[in-house]
Amino acid sequence: MALGMTTIKIQRARIAYLTAEIARLRRENERLRRACEVFDFNPTPEPRTDERDYGLGGSEWVDPVSGIDSWDGKQGAD
């Protein structure tokens, strides 16, 4: 019976912790919502494009003649 009581105490402690965590997260969400309203922040996602990113830092290479997109230019050259 002692093992059952220990398990119940552990579960109650977990429930109490999670309930407190939920309350904390709700307060944090409310604070962030108010901050967004004050600063008139309305997040809008960036539009998706089908273009590939060839910006700095990438190792991509496109052969201007064949249009092969690979780092070594050997893709499809069998």
PDB file of N, CA and C in Angstrom:
ATOM      1  N   MET A   1       0.813  -1.193   0.000  1.00  0.00           N
ATOM      2  CA  MET A   1       0.000   0.000   0.000  1.00  0.00           C
ATOM      3  C   MET A   1       0.859   1.260   0.000  1.00  0.00           C
ATOM      4  N   ALA A   2       2.040   1.179   0.583  1.00  0.00           N
ATOM      5  CA  ALA A   2       2.901   2.359   0.649  1.00  0.00           C
ATOM      6  C   ALA A   2       3.336   2.792  -0.744  1.00  0.00           C
ATOM      7  N   LEU A   3       3.573   1.819  -1.619  1.00  0.00           N
ATOM      8  CA  LEU A   3       3.986   2.148  -2.979  1.00  0.00           C
ATOM      9  C   LEU A   3       2.882   2.896  -3.716  1.00  0.00           C
ATOM     10  N   GLY A   4       1.639   2.484  -3.511  1.00  0.00           N
ATOM     11  CA  GLY A   4       0.503   3.159  -4.138  1.00  0.00           C
ATOM     12  C   GLY A   4       0.365   4.593  -3.661  1.00  0.00           C
ATOM     13  N   MET A   5       0.548   4.823  -2.396  1.00  0.00           N
ATOM     14  CA  MET A   5       0.447   6.175  -1.839  1.00  0.00           C
ATOM     15  C   MET A   5       1.577   7.061  -2.361  1.00  0.00           C
ATOM     16  N   THR A   6       2.775   6.472  -2.502  1.00  0.00           N
ATOM     17  CA  THR A   6       3.900   7.233  -3.050  1.00  0.00           C
ATOM     18  C   THR A   6       3.611   7.648  -4.486  1.00  0.00           C
ATOM     19  N   THR A   7       3.084   6.733  -5.270  1.00  0.00           N
ATOM     20  CA  THR A   7       2.745   7.023  -6.660  1.00  0.00           C
ATOM     21  C   THR A   7       1.697   8.122  -6.740  1.00  0.00           C
ATOM     22  N   ILE A   8       0.702   8.067  -5.883  1.00  0.00           N
ATOM     23  CA  ILE A   8      -0.341   9.088  -5.860  1.00  0.00           C
ATOM     24  C   ILE A   8       0.255  10.444  -5.498  1.00  0.00           C
ATOM     25  N   LYS A   9       1.161  10.479  -4.517  1.00  0.00           N
ATOM     26  CA  LYS A   9       1.799  11.740  -4.127  1.00  0.00           C
ATOM     27  C   LYS A   9       2.637  12.307  -5.265  1.00  0.00           C
ATOM     28  N   ILE A  10       3.355  11.431  -5.970  1.00  0.00           N
ATOM     29  CA  ILE A  10       4.168  11.881  -7.104  1.00  0.00           C
ATOM     30  C   ILE A  10       3.272  12.458  -8.187  1.00  0.00           C
ATOM     31  N   GLN A  11       2.178  11.773  -8.500  1.00  0.00           N
ATOM     32  CA  GLN A  11       1.268  12.253  -9.540  1.00  0.00           C
ATOM     33  C   GLN A  11       0.620  13.579  -9.140  1.00  0.00           C
ATOM     34  N   ARG A  12       0.254  13.723  -7.892  1.00  0.00           N
ATOM     35  CA  ARG A  12      -0.330  14.985  -7.426  1.00  0.00           C
ATOM     36  C   ARG A  12       0.686  16.120  -7.509  1.00  0.00           C
ATOM     37  N   ALA A  13       1.923  15.823  -7.181  1.00  0.00           N
ATOM     38  CA  ALA A  13       2.971  16.846  -7.278  1.00  0.00           C
ATOM     39  C   ALA A  13       3.181  17.258  -8.733  1.00  0.00           C
ATOM     40  N   ARG A  14       3.156  16.295  -9.650  1.00  0.00           N
ATOM     41  CA  ARG A  14       3.293  16.606 -11.072  1.00  0.00           C
ATOM     42  C   ARG A  14       2.126  17.456 -11.563  1.00  0.00           C
ATOM     43  N   ILE A  15       0.928  17.100 -11.145  1.00  0.00           N
ATOM     44  CA  ILE A  15      -0.259  17.856 -11.537  1.00  0.00           C
ATOM     45  C   ILE A  15      -0.166  19.285 -11.015  1.00  0.00           C
ATOM     46  N   ALA A  16       0.263  19.439  -9.770  1.00  0.00           N
ATOM     47  CA  ALA A  16       0.397  20.774  -9.184  1.00  0.00           C
ATOM     48  C   ALA A  16       1.434  21.591  -9.945  1.00  0.00           C
ATOM     49  N   TYR A  17       2.548  20.976 -10.286  1.00  0.00           N
ATOM     50  CA  TYR A  17       3.589  21.692 -11.044  1.00  0.00           C
ATOM     51  C   TYR A  17       3.079  22.104 -12.415  1.00  0.00           C
ATOM     52  N   LEU A  18       2.426  21.185 -13.116  1.00  0.00           N
ATOM     53  CA  LEU A  18       1.930  21.492 -14.456  1.00  0.00           C
ATOM     54  C   LEU A  18       0.827  22.549 -14.424  1.00  0.00           C
ATOM     55  N   THR A  19      -0.002  22.528 -13.401  1.00  0.00           N
ATOM     56  CA  THR A  19      -1.037  23.551 -13.260  1.00  0.00           C
ATOM     57  C   THR A  19      -0.391  24.917 -13.056  1.00  0.00           C
ATOM     58  N   ALA A  20       0.639  24.979 -12.234  1.00  0.00           N
ATOM     59  CA  ALA A  20       1.346  26.238 -12.017  1.00  0.00           C
ATOM     60  C   ALA A  20       2.042  26.698 -13.303  1.00  0.00           C
ATOM     61  N   GLU A  21       2.603  25.769 -14.057  1.00  0.00           N
ATOM     62  CA  GLU A  21       3.266  26.103 -15.318  1.00  0.00           C
ATOM     63  C   GLU A  21       2.257  26.633 -16.337  1.00  0.00           C
ATOM     64  N   ILE A  22       1.081  26.029 -16.393  1.00  0.00           N
ATOM     65  CA  ILE A  22       0.032  26.514 -17.301  1.00  0.00           C
ATOM     66  C   ILE A  22      -0.364  27.941 -16.930  1.00  0.00           C
ATOM     67  N   ALA A  23      -0.518  28.211 -15.662  1.00  0.00           N
ATOM     68  CA  ALA A  23      -0.878  29.560 -15.220  1.00  0.00           C
ATOM     69  C   ALA A  23       0.215  30.554 -15.592  1.00  0.00           C
ATOM     70  N   ARG A  24       1.478  30.167 -15.421  1.00  0.00           N
ATOM     71  CA  ARG A  24       2.589  31.050 -15.764  1.00  0.00           C
ATOM     72  C   ARG A  24       2.605  31.342 -17.262  1.00  0.00           C
ATOM     73  N   LEU A  25       2.386  30.303 -18.072  1.00  0.00           N
ATOM     74  CA  LEU A  25       2.388  30.485 -19.520  1.00  0.00           C
ATOM     75  C   LEU A  25       1.212  31.342 -19.985  1.00  0.00           C
ATOM     76  N   ARG A  26       0.077  31.197 -19.343  1.00  0.00           N
ATOM     77  CA  ARG A  26      -1.063  32.055 -19.693  1.00  0.00           C
ATOM     78  C   ARG A  26      -0.768  33.516 -19.381  1.00  0.00           C
ATOM     79  N   ARG A  27      -0.131  33.775 -18.231  1.00  0.00           N
ATOM     80  CA  ARG A  27       0.245  35.149 -17.894  1.00  0.00           C
ATOM     81  C   ARG A  27       1.240  35.698 -18.907  1.00  0.00           C
ATOM     82  N   GLU A  28       2.207  34.875 -19.295  1.00  0.00           N
ATOM     83  CA  GLU A  28       3.213  35.303 -20.269  1.00  0.00           C
ATOM     84  C   GLU A  28       2.565  35.586 -21.625  1.00  0.00           C
ATOM     85  N   ASN A  29       1.655  34.742 -22.065  1.00  0.00           N
ATOM     86  CA  ASN A  29       0.951  34.972 -23.326  1.00  0.00           C
ATOM     87  C   ASN A  29       0.150  36.265 -23.276  1.00  0.00           C
ATOM     88  N   GLU A  30      -0.507  36.522 -22.162  1.00  0.00           N
ATOM     89  CA  GLU A  30      -1.278  37.764 -22.022  1.00  0.00           C
ATOM     90  C   GLU A  30      -0.347  38.977 -22.069  1.00  0.00           C
ATOM     91  N   ARG A  31       0.791  38.885 -21.398  1.00  0.00           N
ATOM     92  CA  ARG A  31       1.759  39.988 -21.416  1.00  0.00           C
ATOM     93  C   ARG A  31       2.250  40.249 -22.836  1.00  0.00           C
ATOM     94  N   LEU A  32       2.561  39.181 -23.565  1.00  0.00           N
ATOM     95  CA  LEU A  32       3.036  39.348 -24.938  1.00  0.00           C
ATOM     96  C   LEU A  32       1.936  39.889 -25.853  1.00  0.00           C
ATOM     97  N   ARG A  33       0.704  39.457 -25.637  1.00  0.00           N
ATOM     98  CA  ARG A  33      -0.402  39.959 -26.446  1.00  0.00           C
ATOM     99  C   ARG A  33      -0.582  41.453 -26.244  1.00  0.00           C
ATOM    100  N   ARG A  34      -0.508  41.893 -24.974  1.00  0.00           N
ATOM    101  CA  ARG A  34      -0.627  43.329 -24.690  1.00  0.00           C
ATOM    102  C   ARG A  34       0.522  44.106 -25.299  1.00  0.00           C
ATOM    103  N   ALA A  35       1.735  43.543 -25.239  1.00  0.00           N
ATOM    104  CA  ALA A  35       2.888  44.222 -25.821  1.00  0.00           C
ATOM    105  C   ALA A  35       2.726  44.362 -27.325  1.00  0.00           C
ATOM    106  N   CYS A  36       2.190  43.343 -27.983  1.00  0.00           N
ATOM    107  CA  CYS A  36       1.955  43.415 -29.428  1.00  0.00           C
ATOM    108  C   CYS A  36       0.926  44.474 -29.761  1.00  0.00           C
ATOM    109  N   GLU A  37      -0.089  44.608 -28.919  1.00  0.00           N
ATOM    110  CA  GLU A  37      -1.101  45.641 -29.153  1.00  0.00           C
ATOM    111  C   GLU A  37      -0.513  47.033 -28.967  1.00  0.00           C
ATOM    112  N   VAL A  38       0.330  47.215 -27.966  1.00  0.00           N
ATOM    113  CA  VAL A  38       0.928  48.522 -27.694  1.00  0.00           C
ATOM    114  C   VAL A  38       1.819  48.954 -28.851  1.00  0.00           C
ATOM    115  N   PHE A  39       2.590  48.037 -29.367  1.00  0.00           N
ATOM    116  CA  PHE A  39       3.517  48.372 -30.442  1.00  0.00           C
ATOM    117  C   PHE A  39       2.902  48.185 -31.824  1.00  0.00           C
ATOM    118  N   ASP A  40       1.599  47.893 -31.875  1.00  0.00           N
ATOM    119  CA  ASP A  40       0.883  47.692 -33.137  1.00  0.00           C
ATOM    120  C   ASP A  40       1.625  46.697 -34.016  1.00  0.00           C
ATOM    121  N   PHE A  41       1.998  45.601 -33.410  1.00  0.00           N
ATOM    122  CA  PHE A  41       2.748  44.559 -34.100  1.00  0.00           C
ATOM    123  C   PHE A  41       1.779  43.537 -34.648  1.00  0.00           C
ATOM    124  N   ASN A  42       1.795  43.369 -35.956  1.00  0.00           N
ATOM    125  CA  ASN A  42       0.941  42.390 -36.598  1.00  0.00           C
ATOM    126  C   ASN A  42       1.818  41.515 -37.474  1.00  0.00           C
ATOM    127  N   PRO A  43       2.229  40.351 -36.962  1.00  0.00           N
ATOM    128  CA  PRO A  43       3.136  39.529 -37.753  1.00  0.00           C
ATOM    129  C   PRO A  43       2.462  39.010 -39.023  1.00  0.00           C
ATOM    130  N   THR A  44       3.116  39.225 -40.133  1.00  0.00           N
ATOM    131  CA  THR A  44       2.627  38.689 -41.394  1.00  0.00           C
ATOM    132  C   THR A  44       3.719  37.804 -41.968  1.00  0.00           C
ATOM    133  N   PRO A  45       3.354  36.627 -42.404  1.00  0.00           N
ATOM    134  CA  PRO A  45       4.372  35.730 -42.948  1.00  0.00           C
ATOM    135  C   PRO A  45       4.922  36.268 -44.268  1.00  0.00           C
ATOM    136  N   GLU A  46       6.183  35.965 -44.504  1.00  0.00           N
ATOM    137  CA  GLU A  46       6.794  36.373 -45.758  1.00  0.00           C
ATOM    138  C   GLU A  46       6.172  35.576 -46.896  1.00  0.00           C
ATOM    139  N   PRO A  47       5.957  36.223 -48.038  1.00  0.00           N
ATOM    140  CA  PRO A  47       5.370  35.479 -49.153  1.00  0.00           C
ATOM    141  C   PRO A  47       6.309  34.386 -49.631  1.00  0.00           C
ATOM    142  N   ARG A  48       5.727  33.246 -49.958  1.00  0.00           N
ATOM    143  CA  ARG A  48       6.529  32.122 -50.432  1.00  0.00           C
ATOM    144  C   ARG A  48       6.866  32.336 -51.896  1.00  0.00           C
ATOM    145  N   THR A  49       8.070  31.982 -52.231  1.00  0.00           N
ATOM    146  CA  THR A  49       8.487  32.042 -53.618  1.00  0.00           C
ATOM    147  C   THR A  49       8.999  30.662 -54.015  1.00  0.00           C
ATOM    148  N   ASP A  50       8.903  30.366 -55.276  1.00  0.00           N
ATOM    149  CA  ASP A  50       9.391  29.086 -55.770  1.00  0.00           C
ATOM    150  C   ASP A  50      10.835  29.190 -56.230  1.00  0.00           C
ATOM    151  N   GLU A  51      11.415  30.369 -56.053  1.00  0.00           N
ATOM    152  CA  GLU A  51      12.800  30.562 -56.475  1.00  0.00           C
ATOM    153  C   GLU A  51      13.742  29.939 -55.454  1.00  0.00           C
ATOM    154  N   ARG A  52      14.853  29.449 -55.921  1.00  0.00           N
ATOM    155  CA  ARG A  52      15.865  28.897 -55.022  1.00  0.00           C
ATOM    156  C   ARG A  52      16.707  30.032 -54.474  1.00  0.00           C
ATOM    157  N   ASP A  53      17.240  29.810 -53.297  1.00  0.00           N
ATOM    158  CA  ASP A  53      18.049  30.827 -52.652  1.00  0.00           C
ATOM    159  C   ASP A  53      19.510  30.600 -53.013  1.00  0.00           C
ATOM    160  N   TYR A  54      20.079  31.544 -53.740  1.00  0.00           N
ATOM    161  CA  TYR A  54      21.487  31.460 -54.113  1.00  0.00           C
ATOM    162  C   TYR A  54      22.273  32.559 -53.415  1.00  0.00           C
ATOM    163  N   GLY A  55      21.863  32.896 -52.224  1.00  0.00           N
ATOM    164  CA  GLY A  55      22.527  33.944 -51.476  1.00  0.00           C
ATOM    165  C   GLY A  55      23.891  33.494 -50.975  1.00  0.00           C
ATOM    166  N   LEU A  56      24.572  34.424 -50.331  1.00  0.00           N
ATOM    167  CA  LEU A  56      25.896  34.129 -49.791  1.00  0.00           C
ATOM    168  C   LEU A  56      25.824  33.009 -48.774  1.00  0.00           C
ATOM    169  N   GLY A  57      26.851  32.211 -48.723  1.00  0.00           N
ATOM    170  CA  GLY A  57      26.929  31.132 -47.755  1.00  0.00           C
ATOM    171  C   GLY A  57      26.519  29.790 -48.306  1.00  0.00           C
ATOM    172  N   GLY A  58      25.911  29.759 -49.478  1.00  0.00           N
ATOM    173  CA  GLY A  58      25.502  28.490 -50.055  1.00  0.00           C
ATOM    174  C   GLY A  58      26.603  27.904 -50.920  1.00  0.00           C
ATOM    175  N   SER A  59      26.512  26.618 -51.204  1.00  0.00           N
ATOM    176  CA  SER A  59      27.494  25.970 -52.070  1.00  0.00           C
ATOM    177  C   SER A  59      26.831  25.508 -53.357  1.00  0.00           C
ATOM    178  N   GLU A  60      25.740  26.176 -53.745  1.00  0.00           N
ATOM    179  CA  GLU A  60      25.024  25.779 -54.946  1.00  0.00           C
ATOM    180  C   GLU A  60      25.660  26.428 -56.173  1.00  0.00           C
ATOM    181  N   TRP A  61      25.544  25.739 -57.274  1.00  0.00           N
ATOM    182  CA  TRP A  61      26.113  26.235 -58.518  1.00  0.00           C
ATOM    183  C   TRP A  61      25.215  25.817 -59.664  1.00  0.00           C
ATOM    184  N   VAL A  62      24.894  26.751 -60.533  1.00  0.00           N
ATOM    185  CA  VAL A  62      24.045  26.446 -61.675  1.00  0.00           C
ATOM    186  C   VAL A  62      24.856  26.671 -62.933  1.00  0.00           C
ATOM    187  N   ASP A  63      24.924  25.637 -63.764  1.00  0.00           N
ATOM    188  CA  ASP A  63      25.589  25.747 -65.055  1.00  0.00           C
ATOM    189  C   ASP A  63      24.688  26.574 -65.970  1.00  0.00           C
ATOM    190  N   PRO A  64      25.168  27.729 -66.461  1.00  0.00           N
ATOM    191  CA  PRO A  64      24.312  28.584 -67.266  1.00  0.00           C
ATOM    192  C   PRO A  64      23.910  27.952 -68.602  1.00  0.00           C
ATOM    193  N   VAL A  65      24.668  26.992 -69.112  1.00  0.00           N
ATOM    194  CA  VAL A  65      24.355  26.368 -70.386  1.00  0.00           C
ATOM    195  C   VAL A  65      23.314  25.269 -70.226  1.00  0.00           C
ATOM    196  N   SER A  66      23.572  24.330 -69.303  1.00  0.00           N
ATOM    197  CA  SER A  66      22.676  23.184 -69.156  1.00  0.00           C
ATOM    198  C   SER A  66      21.589  23.406 -68.105  1.00  0.00           C
ATOM    199  N   GLY A  67      21.805  24.356 -67.186  1.00  0.00           N
ATOM    200  CA  GLY A  67      20.841  24.589 -66.114  1.00  0.00           C
ATOM    201  C   GLY A  67      20.936  23.587 -64.992  1.00  0.00           C
ATOM    202  N   ILE A  68      21.997  22.756 -65.002  1.00  0.00           N
ATOM    203  CA  ILE A  68      22.176  21.759 -63.943  1.00  0.00           C
ATOM    204  C   ILE A  68      22.513  22.490 -62.648  1.00  0.00           C
ATOM    205  N   ASP A  69      21.798  22.152 -61.587  1.00  0.00           N
ATOM    206  CA  ASP A  69      21.988  22.785 -60.281  1.00  0.00           C
ATOM    207  C   ASP A  69      22.688  21.778 -59.358  1.00  0.00           C
ATOM    208  N   SER A  70      23.990  21.883 -59.252  1.00  0.00           N
ATOM    209  CA  SER A  70      24.725  21.013 -58.338  1.00  0.00           C
ATOM    210  C   SER A  70      26.005  21.719 -57.928  1.00  0.00           C
ATOM    211  N   TRP A  71      26.587  21.276 -56.850  1.00  0.00           N
ATOM    212  CA  TRP A  71      27.774  21.956 -56.333  1.00  0.00           C
ATOM    213  C   TRP A  71      28.998  21.686 -57.181  1.00  0.00           C
ATOM    214  N   ASP A  72      29.027  20.568 -57.914  1.00  0.00           N
ATOM    215  CA  ASP A  72      30.218  20.263 -58.709  1.00  0.00           C
ATOM    216  C   ASP A  72      29.944  20.296 -60.202  1.00  0.00           C
ATOM    217  N   GLY A  73      28.708  20.494 -60.629  1.00  0.00           N
ATOM    218  CA  GLY A  73      28.392  20.572 -62.049  1.00  0.00           C
ATOM    219  C   GLY A  73      28.357  19.234 -62.755  1.00  0.00           C
ATOM    220  N   LYS A  74      28.458  18.125 -61.992  1.00  0.00           N
ATOM    221  CA  LYS A  74      28.530  16.811 -62.605  1.00  0.00           C
ATOM    222  C   LYS A  74      27.183  16.067 -62.536  1.00  0.00           C
ATOM    223  N   GLN A  75      26.196  16.685 -61.993  1.00  0.00           N
ATOM    224  CA  GLN A  75      24.911  16.016 -61.822  1.00  0.00           C
ATOM    225  C   GLN A  75      24.307  15.692 -63.189  1.00  0.00           C
ATOM    226  N   GLY A  76      23.942  14.461 -63.384  1.00  0.00           N
ATOM    227  CA  GLY A  76      23.308  14.023 -64.612  1.00  0.00           C
ATOM    228  C   GLY A  76      24.272  13.845 -65.764  1.00  0.00           C
ATOM    229  N   ALA A  77      25.578  13.851 -65.513  1.00  0.00           N
ATOM    230  CA  ALA A  77      26.569  13.720 -66.583  1.00  0.00           C
ATOM    231  C   ALA A  77      27.043  12.275 -66.665  1.00  0.00           C
ATOM    232  N   ASP A  78      26.142  11.356 -66.856  1.00  0.00           N
ATOM    233  CA  ASP A  78      26.513   9.937 -66.974  1.00  0.00           C
ATOM    234  C   ASP A  78      26.809   9.569 -68.392  1.00  0.00           C
TER     235      ASP A  78
END
